[in-house]
Amino acid sequence: MGTHVLSSGYYDAYYKKAQTVRTKLINEFSDAFKNVDALIGPVSPTTAFKIGENSDPLSMYMQDMYSVSASLAGLPSISIPCGEVSGMPVGLQLIANQRQDKKLLQLARAYEAIK
């Protein structure tokens, strides 16, 4: 698929546009990190599913919507447990700026120490 998208005729239509959007995303994160050391938020929009509860591919795909942006921007991020809702686990996502992996791990460790 990657070779097909990069072949002539598709480069401008897909790859170049995707790289443009990715650059805009990186710039937005860079602006945010001018004011904060880390971003904190949920890992997914819902709690974990019970085993066998959800087999809909689209809703399963949508569970990643909060964690994809850090990956696209090349940022270090971590998911740590932060509690339960109705008996199901909830994850907390921490995102740091590029090359701030150590700071991110220190923050995650500090959170787990006080939890």
PDB file of N, CA and C in Angstrom:
ATOM      1  N   MET A   1       0.828  -1.195   0.000  1.00  0.00           N
ATOM      2  CA  MET A   1       0.000   0.000   0.000  1.00  0.00           C
ATOM      3  C   MET A   1       0.874   1.262   0.000  1.00  0.00           C
ATOM      4  N   GLY A   2       1.945   1.253   0.822  1.00  0.00           N
ATOM      5  CA  GLY A   2       2.824   2.416   0.877  1.00  0.00           C
ATOM      6  C   GLY A   2       3.482   2.706  -0.448  1.00  0.00           C
ATOM      7  N   THR A   3       3.920   1.663  -1.143  1.00  0.00           N
ATOM      8  CA  THR A   3       4.539   1.837  -2.456  1.00  0.00           C
ATOM      9  C   THR A   3       3.542   2.424  -3.442  1.00  0.00           C
ATOM     10  N   HIS A   4       2.303   1.962  -3.373  1.00  0.00           N
ATOM     11  CA  HIS A   4       1.258   2.455  -4.266  1.00  0.00           C
ATOM     12  C   HIS A   4       1.009   3.952  -4.036  1.00  0.00           C
ATOM     13  N   VAL A   5       0.908   4.349  -2.771  1.00  0.00           N
ATOM     14  CA  VAL A   5       0.631   5.746  -2.442  1.00  0.00           C
ATOM     15  C   VAL A   5       1.789   6.649  -2.863  1.00  0.00           C
ATOM     16  N   LEU A   6       3.008   6.144  -2.770  1.00  0.00           N
ATOM     17  CA  LEU A   6       4.172   6.953  -3.138  1.00  0.00           C
ATOM     18  C   LEU A   6       4.462   6.938  -4.636  1.00  0.00           C
ATOM     19  N   SER A   7       3.757   6.108  -5.389  1.00  0.00           N
ATOM     20  CA  SER A   7       3.999   6.056  -6.831  1.00  0.00           C
ATOM     21  C   SER A   7       3.490   7.334  -7.496  1.00  0.00           C
ATOM     22  N   SER A   8       3.941   7.553  -8.720  1.00  0.00           N
ATOM     23  CA  SER A   8       3.583   8.794  -9.406  1.00  0.00           C
ATOM     24  C   SER A   8       2.077   8.943  -9.523  1.00  0.00           C
ATOM     25  N   GLY A   9       1.618  10.138  -9.367  1.00  0.00           N
ATOM     26  CA  GLY A   9       0.189  10.420  -9.442  1.00  0.00           C
ATOM     27  C   GLY A   9      -0.481  10.404  -8.078  1.00  0.00           C
ATOM     28  N   TYR A  10       0.077   9.669  -7.145  1.00  0.00           N
ATOM     29  CA  TYR A  10      -0.520   9.586  -5.815  1.00  0.00           C
ATOM     30  C   TYR A  10       0.269  10.378  -4.779  1.00  0.00           C
ATOM     31  N   TYR A  11       1.513  10.673  -5.080  1.00  0.00           N
ATOM     32  CA  TYR A  11       2.364  11.375  -4.124  1.00  0.00           C
ATOM     33  C   TYR A  11       1.722  12.679  -3.673  1.00  0.00           C
ATOM     34  N   ASP A  12       1.356  13.537  -4.621  1.00  0.00           N
ATOM     35  CA  ASP A  12       0.749  14.826  -4.270  1.00  0.00           C
ATOM     36  C   ASP A  12      -0.630  14.651  -3.657  1.00  0.00           C
ATOM     37  N   ALA A  13      -1.379  13.674  -4.148  1.00  0.00           N
ATOM     38  CA  ALA A  13      -2.755  13.491  -3.674  1.00  0.00           C
ATOM     39  C   ALA A  13      -2.810  13.009  -2.233  1.00  0.00           C
ATOM     40  N   TYR A  14      -1.887  12.170  -1.824  1.00  0.00           N
ATOM     41  CA  TYR A  14      -1.985  11.572  -0.492  1.00  0.00           C
ATOM     42  C   TYR A  14      -0.800  11.904   0.408  1.00  0.00           C
ATOM     43  N   TYR A  15       0.373  11.488   0.002  1.00  0.00           N
ATOM     44  CA  TYR A  15       1.540  11.605   0.869  1.00  0.00           C
ATOM     45  C   TYR A  15       1.866  13.059   1.212  1.00  0.00           C
ATOM     46  N   LYS A  16       1.929  13.901   0.215  1.00  0.00           N
ATOM     47  CA  LYS A  16       2.277  15.304   0.450  1.00  0.00           C
ATOM     48  C   LYS A  16       1.240  15.984   1.357  1.00  0.00           C
ATOM     49  N   LYS A  17      -0.029  15.714   1.126  1.00  0.00           N
ATOM     50  CA  LYS A  17      -1.073  16.299   1.979  1.00  0.00           C
ATOM     51  C   LYS A  17      -0.976  15.766   3.407  1.00  0.00           C
ATOM     52  N   ALA A  18      -0.706  14.485   3.544  1.00  0.00           N
ATOM     53  CA  ALA A  18      -0.578  13.895   4.880  1.00  0.00           C
ATOM     54  C   ALA A  18       0.605  14.505   5.620  1.00  0.00           C
ATOM     55  N   GLN A  19       1.719  14.720   4.921  1.00  0.00           N
ATOM     56  CA  GLN A  19       2.881  15.330   5.558  1.00  0.00           C
ATOM     57  C   GLN A  19       2.606  16.782   5.949  1.00  0.00           C
ATOM     58  N   THR A  20       1.826  17.486   5.157  1.00  0.00           N
ATOM     59  CA  THR A  20       1.447  18.864   5.478  1.00  0.00           C
ATOM     60  C   THR A  20       0.611  18.909   6.753  1.00  0.00           C
ATOM     61  N   VAL A  21      -0.347  18.008   6.860  1.00  0.00           N
ATOM     62  CA  VAL A  21      -1.189  17.941   8.063  1.00  0.00           C
ATOM     63  C   VAL A  21      -0.341  17.551   9.269  1.00  0.00           C
ATOM     64  N   ARG A  22       0.565  16.605   9.080  1.00  0.00           N
ATOM     65  CA  ARG A  22       1.437  16.174  10.178  1.00  0.00           C
ATOM     66  C   ARG A  22       2.294  17.338  10.666  1.00  0.00           C
ATOM     67  N   THR A  23       2.827  18.134   9.758  1.00  0.00           N
ATOM     68  CA  THR A  23       3.643  19.296  10.131  1.00  0.00           C
ATOM     69  C   THR A  23       2.815  20.299  10.926  1.00  0.00           C
ATOM     70  N   LYS A  24       1.590  20.530  10.510  1.00  0.00           N
ATOM     71  CA  LYS A  24       0.708  21.437  11.261  1.00  0.00           C
ATOM     72  C   LYS A  24       0.465  20.909  12.669  1.00  0.00           C
ATOM     73  N   LEU A  25       0.271  19.607  12.812  1.00  0.00           N
ATOM     74  CA  LEU A  25       0.061  18.991  14.117  1.00  0.00           C
ATOM     75  C   LEU A  25       1.297  19.158  15.003  1.00  0.00           C
ATOM     76  N   ILE A  26       2.470  18.930  14.436  1.00  0.00           N
ATOM     77  CA  ILE A  26       3.717  19.104  15.183  1.00  0.00           C
ATOM     78  C   ILE A  26       3.853  20.551  15.655  1.00  0.00           C
ATOM     79  N   ASN A  27       3.527  21.501  14.800  1.00  0.00           N
ATOM     80  CA  ASN A  27       3.612  22.920  15.173  1.00  0.00           C
ATOM     81  C   ASN A  27       2.632  23.278  16.284  1.00  0.00           C
ATOM     82  N   GLU A  28       1.433  22.702  16.244  1.00  0.00           N
ATOM     83  CA  GLU A  28       0.441  22.959  17.302  1.00  0.00           C
ATOM     84  C   GLU A  28       0.952  22.433  18.649  1.00  0.00           C
ATOM     85  N   PHE A  29       1.515  21.248  18.644  1.00  0.00           N
ATOM     86  CA  PHE A  29       2.071  20.706  19.884  1.00  0.00           C
ATOM     87  C   PHE A  29       3.239  21.565  20.355  1.00  0.00           C
ATOM     88  N   SER A  30       4.102  21.987  19.450  1.00  0.00           N
ATOM     89  CA  SER A  30       5.249  22.831  19.827  1.00  0.00           C
ATOM     90  C   SER A  30       4.784  24.118  20.492  1.00  0.00           C
ATOM     91  N   ASP A  31       3.733  24.707  19.973  1.00  0.00           N
ATOM     92  CA  ASP A  31       3.173  25.917  20.587  1.00  0.00           C
ATOM     93  C   ASP A  31       2.661  25.629  21.986  1.00  0.00           C
ATOM     94  N   ALA A  32       1.998  24.504  22.167  1.00  0.00           N
ATOM     95  CA  ALA A  32       1.464  24.148  23.489  1.00  0.00           C
ATOM     96  C   ALA A  32       2.596  23.949  24.495  1.00  0.00           C
ATOM     97  N   PHE A  33       3.697  23.325  24.060  1.00  0.00           N
ATOM     98  CA  PHE A  33       4.799  23.047  24.978  1.00  0.00           C
ATOM     99  C   PHE A  33       5.640  24.277  25.300  1.00  0.00           C
ATOM    100  N   LYS A  34       5.325  25.419  24.717  1.00  0.00           N
ATOM    101  CA  LYS A  34       5.972  26.667  25.126  1.00  0.00           C
ATOM    102  C   LYS A  34       5.461  27.097  26.496  1.00  0.00           C
ATOM    103  N   ASN A  35       4.265  26.608  26.878  1.00  0.00           N
ATOM    104  CA  ASN A  35       3.625  27.030  28.126  1.00  0.00           C
ATOM    105  C   ASN A  35       3.532  25.944  29.183  1.00  0.00           C
ATOM    106  N   VAL A  36       3.691  24.679  28.793  1.00  0.00           N
ATOM    107  CA  VAL A  36       3.538  23.580  29.751  1.00  0.00           C
ATOM    108  C   VAL A  36       4.642  22.543  29.524  1.00  0.00           C
ATOM    109  N   ASP A  37       4.902  21.746  30.561  1.00  0.00           N
ATOM    110  CA  ASP A  37       5.892  20.676  30.448  1.00  0.00           C
ATOM    111  C   ASP A  37       5.292  19.393  29.881  1.00  0.00           C
ATOM    112  N   ALA A  38       4.002  19.188  30.119  1.00  0.00           N
ATOM    113  CA  ALA A  38       3.355  17.956  29.659  1.00  0.00           C
ATOM    114  C   ALA A  38       1.871  18.204  29.456  1.00  0.00           C
ATOM    115  N   LEU A  39       1.280  17.357  28.637  1.00  0.00           N
ATOM    116  CA  LEU A  39      -0.164  17.379  28.440  1.00  0.00           C
ATOM    117  C   LEU A  39      -0.735  16.129  29.085  1.00  0.00           C
ATOM    118  N   ILE A  40      -1.864  16.278  29.746  1.00  0.00           N
ATOM    119  CA  ILE A  40      -2.487  15.169  30.466  1.00  0.00           C
ATOM    120  C   ILE A  40      -3.920  15.036  29.994  1.00  0.00           C
ATOM    121  N   GLY A  41      -4.322  13.810  29.720  1.00  0.00           N
ATOM    122  CA  GLY A  41      -5.696  13.575  29.287  1.00  0.00           C
ATOM    123  C   GLY A  41      -6.035  12.102  29.308  1.00  0.00           C
ATOM    124  N   PRO A  42      -7.227  11.767  28.888  1.00  0.00           N
ATOM    125  CA  PRO A  42      -7.622  10.360  28.867  1.00  0.00           C
ATOM    126  C   PRO A  42      -6.931   9.604  27.737  1.00  0.00           C
ATOM    127  N   VAL A  43      -6.834   8.303  27.886  1.00  0.00           N
ATOM    128  CA  VAL A  43      -6.272   7.456  26.838  1.00  0.00           C
ATOM    129  C   VAL A  43      -7.312   7.196  25.758  1.00  0.00           C
ATOM    130  N   SER A  44      -8.547   7.010  26.171  1.00  0.00           N
ATOM    131  CA  SER A  44      -9.622   6.708  25.219  1.00  0.00           C
ATOM    132  C   SER A  44     -10.918   7.363  25.676  1.00  0.00           C
ATOM    133  N   PRO A  45     -11.885   7.472  24.777  1.00  0.00           N
ATOM    134  CA  PRO A  45     -13.141   8.147  25.129  1.00  0.00           C
ATOM    135  C   PRO A  45     -14.060   7.352  26.045  1.00  0.00           C
ATOM    136  N   THR A  46     -13.804   6.065  26.202  1.00  0.00           N
ATOM    137  CA  THR A  46     -14.629   5.224  27.087  1.00  0.00           C
ATOM    138  C   THR A  46     -13.725   4.337  27.923  1.00  0.00           C
ATOM    139  N   THR A  47     -14.317   3.666  28.873  1.00  0.00           N
ATOM    140  CA  THR A  47     -13.559   2.675  29.633  1.00  0.00           C
ATOM    141  C   THR A  47     -13.265   1.482  28.730  1.00  0.00           C
ATOM    142  N   ALA A  48     -12.473   0.576  29.232  1.00  0.00           N
ATOM    143  CA  ALA A  48     -12.184  -0.647  28.481  1.00  0.00           C
ATOM    144  C   ALA A  48     -13.486  -1.431  28.279  1.00  0.00           C
ATOM    145  N   PHE A  49     -13.540  -2.169  27.180  1.00  0.00           N
ATOM    146  CA  PHE A  49     -14.686  -3.033  26.940  1.00  0.00           C
ATOM    147  C   PHE A  49     -14.506  -4.336  27.712  1.00  0.00           C
ATOM    148  N   LYS A  50     -15.584  -4.914  28.133  1.00  0.00           N
ATOM    149  CA  LYS A  50     -15.510  -6.254  28.697  1.00  0.00           C
ATOM    150  C   LYS A  50     -15.212  -7.222  27.558  1.00  0.00           C
ATOM    151  N   ILE A  51     -14.572  -8.313  27.866  1.00  0.00           N
ATOM    152  CA  ILE A  51     -14.191  -9.291  26.844  1.00  0.00           C
ATOM    153  C   ILE A  51     -15.427  -9.730  26.062  1.00  0.00           C
ATOM    154  N   GLY A  52     -15.332  -9.611  24.742  1.00  0.00           N
ATOM    155  CA  GLY A  52     -16.423 -10.015  23.861  1.00  0.00           C
ATOM    156  C   GLY A  52     -17.567  -9.028  23.759  1.00  0.00           C
ATOM    157  N   GLU A  53     -17.489  -7.912  24.478  1.00  0.00           N
ATOM    158  CA  GLU A  53     -18.583  -6.939  24.505  1.00  0.00           C
ATOM    159  C   GLU A  53     -18.706  -6.138  23.216  1.00  0.00           C
ATOM    160  N   ASN A  54     -17.597  -5.875  22.544  1.00  0.00           N
ATOM    161  CA  ASN A  54     -17.648  -5.027  21.360  1.00  0.00           C
ATOM    162  C   ASN A  54     -16.842  -5.661  20.235  1.00  0.00           C
ATOM    163  N   SER A  55     -17.488  -5.889  19.127  1.00  0.00           N
ATOM    164  CA  SER A  55     -16.772  -6.434  17.968  1.00  0.00           C
ATOM    165  C   SER A  55     -16.896  -5.517  16.755  1.00  0.00           C
ATOM    166  N   ASP A  56     -17.419  -4.309  16.955  1.00  0.00           N
ATOM    167  CA  ASP A  56     -17.572  -3.354  15.869  1.00  0.00           C
ATOM    168  C   ASP A  56     -16.220  -2.724  15.553  1.00  0.00           C
ATOM    169  N   PRO A  57     -15.682  -2.952  14.353  1.00  0.00           N
ATOM    170  CA  PRO A  57     -14.352  -2.440  14.019  1.00  0.00           C
ATOM    171  C   PRO A  57     -14.225  -0.919  14.131  1.00  0.00           C
ATOM    172  N   LEU A  58     -15.260  -0.182  13.750  1.00  0.00           N
ATOM    173  CA  LEU A  58     -15.181   1.274  13.812  1.00  0.00           C
ATOM    174  C   LEU A  58     -15.093   1.763  15.250  1.00  0.00           C
ATOM    175  N   SER A  59     -15.915   1.243  16.134  1.00  0.00           N
ATOM    176  CA  SER A  59     -15.858   1.704  17.526  1.00  0.00           C
ATOM    177  C   SER A  59     -14.554   1.274  18.190  1.00  0.00           C
ATOM    178  N   MET A  60     -14.017   0.126  17.781  1.00  0.00           N
ATOM    179  CA  MET A  60     -12.716  -0.289  18.317  1.00  0.00           C
ATOM    180  C   MET A  60     -11.625   0.666  17.819  1.00  0.00           C
ATOM    181  N   TYR A  61     -11.684   1.045  16.560  1.00  0.00           N
ATOM    182  CA  TYR A  61     -10.724   1.985  15.980  1.00  0.00           C
ATOM    183  C   TYR A  61     -10.802   3.337  16.689  1.00  0.00           C
ATOM    184  N   MET A  62     -11.997   3.784  17.000  1.00  0.00           N
ATOM    185  CA  MET A  62     -12.196   5.093  17.630  1.00  0.00           C
ATOM    186  C   MET A  62     -11.627   5.152  19.049  1.00  0.00           C
ATOM    187  N   GLN A  63     -11.362   4.007  19.653  1.00  0.00           N
ATOM    188  CA  GLN A  63     -10.776   3.999  20.991  1.00  0.00           C
ATOM    189  C   GLN A  63      -9.370   4.588  21.008  1.00  0.00           C
ATOM    190  N   ASP A  64      -8.728   4.632  19.844  1.00  0.00           N
ATOM    191  CA  ASP A  64      -7.367   5.167  19.747  1.00  0.00           C
ATOM    192  C   ASP A  64      -7.319   6.657  19.428  1.00  0.00           C
ATOM    193  N   MET A  65      -8.460   7.294  19.293  1.00  0.00           N
ATOM    194  CA  MET A  65      -8.484   8.668  18.794  1.00  0.00           C
ATOM    195  C   MET A  65      -7.690   9.661  19.646  1.00  0.00           C
ATOM    196  N   TYR A  66      -7.548   9.431  20.946  1.00  0.00           N
ATOM    197  CA  TYR A  66      -6.806  10.366  21.789  1.00  0.00           C
ATOM    198  C   TYR A  66      -5.303  10.095  21.796  1.00  0.00           C
ATOM    199  N   SER A  67      -4.893   8.921  21.399  1.00  0.00           N
ATOM    200  CA  SER A  67      -3.472   8.584  21.463  1.00  0.00           C
ATOM    201  C   SER A  67      -2.758   8.686  20.118  1.00  0.00           C
ATOM    202  N   VAL A  68      -3.490   8.799  19.035  1.00  0.00           N
ATOM    203  CA  VAL A  68      -2.882   8.833  17.705  1.00  0.00           C
ATOM    204  C   VAL A  68      -2.094  10.113  17.460  1.00  0.00           C
ATOM    205  N   SER A  69      -2.566  11.242  17.954  1.00  0.00           N
ATOM    206  CA  SER A  69      -1.906  12.514  17.635  1.00  0.00           C
ATOM    207  C   SER A  69      -0.472  12.568  18.142  1.00  0.00           C
ATOM    208  N   ALA A  70      -0.212  12.027  19.321  1.00  0.00           N
ATOM    209  CA  ALA A  70       1.164  12.019  19.829  1.00  0.00           C
ATOM    210  C   ALA A  70       2.062  11.172  18.937  1.00  0.00           C
ATOM    211  N   SER A  71       1.549  10.061  18.476  1.00  0.00           N
ATOM    212  CA  SER A  71       2.325   9.201  17.583  1.00  0.00           C
ATOM    213  C   SER A  71       2.613   9.901  16.259  1.00  0.00           C
ATOM    214  N   LEU A  72       1.605  10.555  15.700  1.00  0.00           N
ATOM    215  CA  LEU A  72       1.795  11.256  14.434  1.00  0.00           C
ATOM    216  C   LEU A  72       2.816  12.383  14.555  1.00  0.00           C
ATOM    217  N   ALA A  73       2.833  13.035  15.711  1.00  0.00           N
ATOM    218  CA  ALA A  73       3.755  14.155  15.924  1.00  0.00           C
ATOM    219  C   ALA A  73       5.130  13.700  16.406  1.00  0.00           C
ATOM    220  N   GLY A  74       5.299  12.406  16.639  1.00  0.00           N
ATOM    221  CA  GLY A  74       6.588  11.891  17.093  1.00  0.00           C
ATOM    222  C   GLY A  74       6.918  12.270  18.521  1.00  0.00           C
ATOM    223  N   LEU A  75       5.891  12.345  19.362  1.00  0.00           N
ATOM    224  CA  LEU A  75       6.078  12.753  20.745  1.00  0.00           C
ATOM    225  C   LEU A  75       6.058  11.551  21.687  1.00  0.00           C
ATOM    226  N   PRO A  76       6.860  11.608  22.742  1.00  0.00           N
ATOM    227  CA  PRO A  76       6.790  10.535  23.732  1.00  0.00           C
ATOM    228  C   PRO A  76       5.492  10.646  24.533  1.00  0.00           C
ATOM    229  N   SER A  77       4.854   9.519  24.737  1.00  0.00           N
ATOM    230  CA  SER A  77       3.636   9.505  25.544  1.00  0.00           C
ATOM    231  C   SER A  77       3.578   8.190  26.302  1.00  0.00           C
ATOM    232  N   ILE A  78       2.792   8.202  27.358  1.00  0.00           N
ATOM    233  CA  ILE A  78       2.663   7.004  28.177  1.00  0.00           C
ATOM    234  C   ILE A  78       1.236   6.924  28.704  1.00  0.00           C
ATOM    235  N   SER A  79       0.766   5.728  28.842  1.00  0.00           N
ATOM    236  CA  SER A  79      -0.550   5.478  29.421  1.00  0.00           C
ATOM    237  C   SER A  79      -0.343   4.783  30.759  1.00  0.00           C
ATOM    238  N   ILE A  80      -0.948   5.341  31.800  1.00  0.00           N
ATOM    239  CA  ILE A  80      -0.843   4.729  33.124  1.00  0.00           C
ATOM    240  C   ILE A  80      -2.236   4.582  33.710  1.00  0.00           C
ATOM    241  N   PRO A  81      -2.443   3.539  34.515  1.00  0.00           N
ATOM    242  CA  PRO A  81      -3.759   3.357  35.123  1.00  0.00           C
ATOM    243  C   PRO A  81      -4.060   4.477  36.110  1.00  0.00           C
ATOM    244  N   CYS A  82      -5.309   4.939  36.110  1.00  0.00           N
ATOM    245  CA  CYS A  82      -5.644   6.021  37.047  1.00  0.00           C
ATOM    246  C   CYS A  82      -6.945   5.772  37.799  1.00  0.00           C
ATOM    247  N   GLY A  83      -7.533   4.616  37.644  1.00  0.00           N
ATOM    248  CA  GLY A  83      -8.733   4.327  38.399  1.00  0.00           C
ATOM    249  C   GLY A  83      -9.692   3.446  37.631  1.00  0.00           C
ATOM    250  N   GLU A  84     -10.918   3.413  38.132  1.00  0.00           N
ATOM    251  CA  GLU A  84     -11.958   2.605  37.507  1.00  0.00           C
ATOM    252  C   GLU A  84     -13.265   3.380  37.444  1.00  0.00           C
ATOM    253  N   VAL A  85     -14.056   3.044  36.437  1.00  0.00           N
ATOM    254  CA  VAL A  85     -15.411   3.559  36.315  1.00  0.00           C
ATOM    255  C   VAL A  85     -16.301   2.340  36.096  1.00  0.00           C
ATOM    256  N   SER A  86     -17.268   2.161  36.955  1.00  0.00           N
ATOM    257  CA  SER A  86     -18.165   1.001  36.891  1.00  0.00           C
ATOM    258  C   SER A  86     -17.386  -0.308  36.825  1.00  0.00           C
ATOM    259  N   GLY A  87     -16.294  -0.375  37.567  1.00  0.00           N
ATOM    260  CA  GLY A  87     -15.500  -1.589  37.635  1.00  0.00           C
ATOM    261  C   GLY A  87     -14.570  -1.826  36.467  1.00  0.00           C
ATOM    262  N   MET A  88     -14.516  -0.884  35.525  1.00  0.00           N
ATOM    263  CA  MET A  88     -13.638  -1.038  34.355  1.00  0.00           C
ATOM    264  C   MET A  88     -12.498  -0.028  34.437  1.00  0.00           C
ATOM    265  N   PRO A  89     -11.289  -0.442  34.043  1.00  0.00           N
ATOM    266  CA  PRO A  89     -10.118   0.427  34.178  1.00  0.00           C
ATOM    267  C   PRO A  89     -10.149   1.635  33.243  1.00  0.00           C
ATOM    268  N   VAL A  90      -9.548   2.707  33.731  1.00  0.00           N
ATOM    269  CA  VAL A  90      -9.417   3.948  32.973  1.00  0.00           C
ATOM    270  C   VAL A  90      -7.933   4.302  32.931  1.00  0.00           C
ATOM    271  N   GLY A  91      -7.474   4.745  31.760  1.00  0.00           N
ATOM    272  CA  GLY A  91      -6.072   5.108  31.617  1.00  0.00           C
ATOM    273  C   GLY A  91      -5.885   6.610  31.501  1.00  0.00           C
ATOM    274  N   LEU A  92      -4.764   7.080  32.029  1.00  0.00           N
ATOM    275  CA  LEU A  92      -4.368   8.478  31.949  1.00  0.00           C
ATOM    276  C   LEU A  92      -3.200   8.565  30.971  1.00  0.00           C
ATOM    277  N   GLN A  93      -3.286   9.469  30.010  1.00  0.00           N
ATOM    278  CA  GLN A  93      -2.220   9.636  29.029  1.00  0.00           C
ATOM    279  C   GLN A  93      -1.415  10.892  29.351  1.00  0.00           C
ATOM    280  N   LEU A  94      -0.118  10.742  29.368  1.00  0.00           N
ATOM    281  CA  LEU A  94       0.785  11.865  29.551  1.00  0.00           C
ATOM    282  C   LEU A  94       1.592  12.009  28.261  1.00  0.00           C
ATOM    283  N   ILE A  95       1.712  13.229  27.772  1.00  0.00           N
ATOM    284  CA  ILE A  95       2.457  13.511  26.541  1.00  0.00           C
ATOM    285  C   ILE A  95       3.487  14.587  26.855  1.00  0.00           C
ATOM    286  N   ALA A  96       4.722  14.364  26.414  1.00  0.00           N
ATOM    287  CA  ALA A  96       5.789  15.347  26.602  1.00  0.00           C
ATOM    288  C   ALA A  96       6.293  15.818  25.243  1.00  0.00           C
ATOM    289  N   ASN A  97       7.082  16.861  25.273  1.00  0.00           N
ATOM    290  CA  ASN A  97       7.656  17.401  24.040  1.00  0.00           C
ATOM    291  C   ASN A  97       8.728  16.447  23.498  1.00  0.00           C
ATOM    292  N   GLN A  98       9.113  16.665  22.267  1.00  0.00           N
ATOM    293  CA  GLN A  98      10.140  15.825  21.651  1.00  0.00           C
ATOM    294  C   GLN A  98      11.408  15.807  22.496  1.00  0.00           C
ATOM    295  N   ARG A  99      12.010  14.640  22.596  1.00  0.00           N
ATOM    296  CA  ARG A  99      13.242  14.407  23.342  1.00  0.00           C
ATOM    297  C   ARG A  99      13.111  14.680  24.836  1.00  0.00           C
ATOM    298  N   GLN A 100      11.900  14.603  25.358  1.00  0.00           N
ATOM    299  CA  GLN A 100      11.665  14.794  26.786  1.00  0.00           C
ATOM    300  C   GLN A 100      11.185  13.489  27.434  1.00  0.00           C
ATOM    301  N   ASP A 101      11.682  12.379  26.932  1.00  0.00           N
ATOM    302  CA  ASP A 101      11.283  11.062  27.429  1.00  0.00           C
ATOM    303  C   ASP A 101      11.554  10.915  28.925  1.00  0.00           C
ATOM    304  N   LYS A 102      12.723  11.350  29.359  1.00  0.00           N
ATOM    305  CA  LYS A 102      13.090  11.221  30.772  1.00  0.00           C
ATOM    306  C   LYS A 102      12.126  12.000  31.655  1.00  0.00           C
ATOM    307  N   LYS A 103      11.817  13.219  31.255  1.00  0.00           N
ATOM    308  CA  LYS A 103      10.877  14.039  32.019  1.00  0.00           C
ATOM    309  C   LYS A 103       9.497  13.370  32.085  1.00  0.00           C
ATOM    310  N   LEU A 104       9.083  12.780  30.967  1.00  0.00           N
ATOM    311  CA  LEU A 104       7.795  12.087  30.911  1.00  0.00           C
ATOM    312  C   LEU A 104       7.767  10.910  31.886  1.00  0.00           C
ATOM    313  N   LEU A 105       8.813  10.112  31.888  1.00  0.00           N
ATOM    314  CA  LEU A 105       8.870   8.960  32.799  1.00  0.00           C
ATOM    315  C   LEU A 105       8.920   9.406  34.256  1.00  0.00           C
ATOM    316  N   GLN A 106       9.611  10.508  34.531  1.00  0.00           N
ATOM    317  CA  GLN A 106       9.653  11.041  35.894  1.00  0.00           C
ATOM    318  C   GLN A 106       8.259  11.495  36.331  1.00  0.00           C
ATOM    319  N   LEU A 107       7.526  12.133  35.452  1.00  0.00           N
ATOM    320  CA  LEU A 107       6.162  12.572  35.752  1.00  0.00           C
ATOM    321  C   LEU A 107       5.256  11.376  36.006  1.00  0.00           C
ATOM    322  N   ALA A 108       5.345  10.362  35.176  1.00  0.00           N
ATOM    323  CA  ALA A 108       4.520   9.162  35.359  1.00  0.00           C
ATOM    324  C   ALA A 108       4.846   8.483  36.686  1.00  0.00           C
ATOM    325  N   ARG A 109       6.120   8.412  37.005  1.00  0.00           N
ATOM    326  CA  ARG A 109       6.528   7.796  38.271  1.00  0.00           C
ATOM    327  C   ARG A 109       6.014   8.607  39.467  1.00  0.00           C
ATOM    328  N   ALA A 110       6.084   9.929  39.359  1.00  0.00           N
ATOM    329  CA  ALA A 110       5.597  10.781  40.445  1.00  0.00           C
ATOM    330  C   ALA A 110       4.094  10.603  40.631  1.00  0.00           C
ATOM    331  N   TYR A 111       3.346  10.516  39.528  1.00  0.00           N
ATOM    332  CA  TYR A 111       1.905  10.301  39.637  1.00  0.00           C
ATOM    333  C   TYR A 111       1.611   8.966  40.308  1.00  0.00           C
ATOM    334  N   GLU A 112       2.289   7.918  39.884  1.00  0.00           N
ATOM    335  CA  GLU A 112       2.039   6.600  40.469  1.00  0.00           C
ATOM    336  C   GLU A 112       2.424   6.557  41.936  1.00  0.00           C
ATOM    337  N   ALA A 113       3.433   7.352  42.353  1.00  0.00           N
ATOM    338  CA  ALA A 113       3.861   7.369  43.752  1.00  0.00           C
ATOM    339  C   ALA A 113       2.809   8.004  44.661  1.00  0.00           C
ATOM    340  N   ILE A 114       2.044   8.977  44.147  1.00  0.00           N
ATOM    341  CA  ILE A 114       1.048   9.637  45.003  1.00  0.00           C
ATOM    342  C   ILE A 114      -0.346   9.027  44.886  1.00  0.00           C
ATOM    343  N   LYS A 115      -0.522   8.163  43.902  1.00  0.00           N
ATOM    344  CA  LYS A 115      -1.839   7.558  43.676  1.00  0.00           C
ATOM    345  C   LYS A 115      -2.212   6.598  44.735  1.00  0.00           C
TER     346      LYS A 115
END
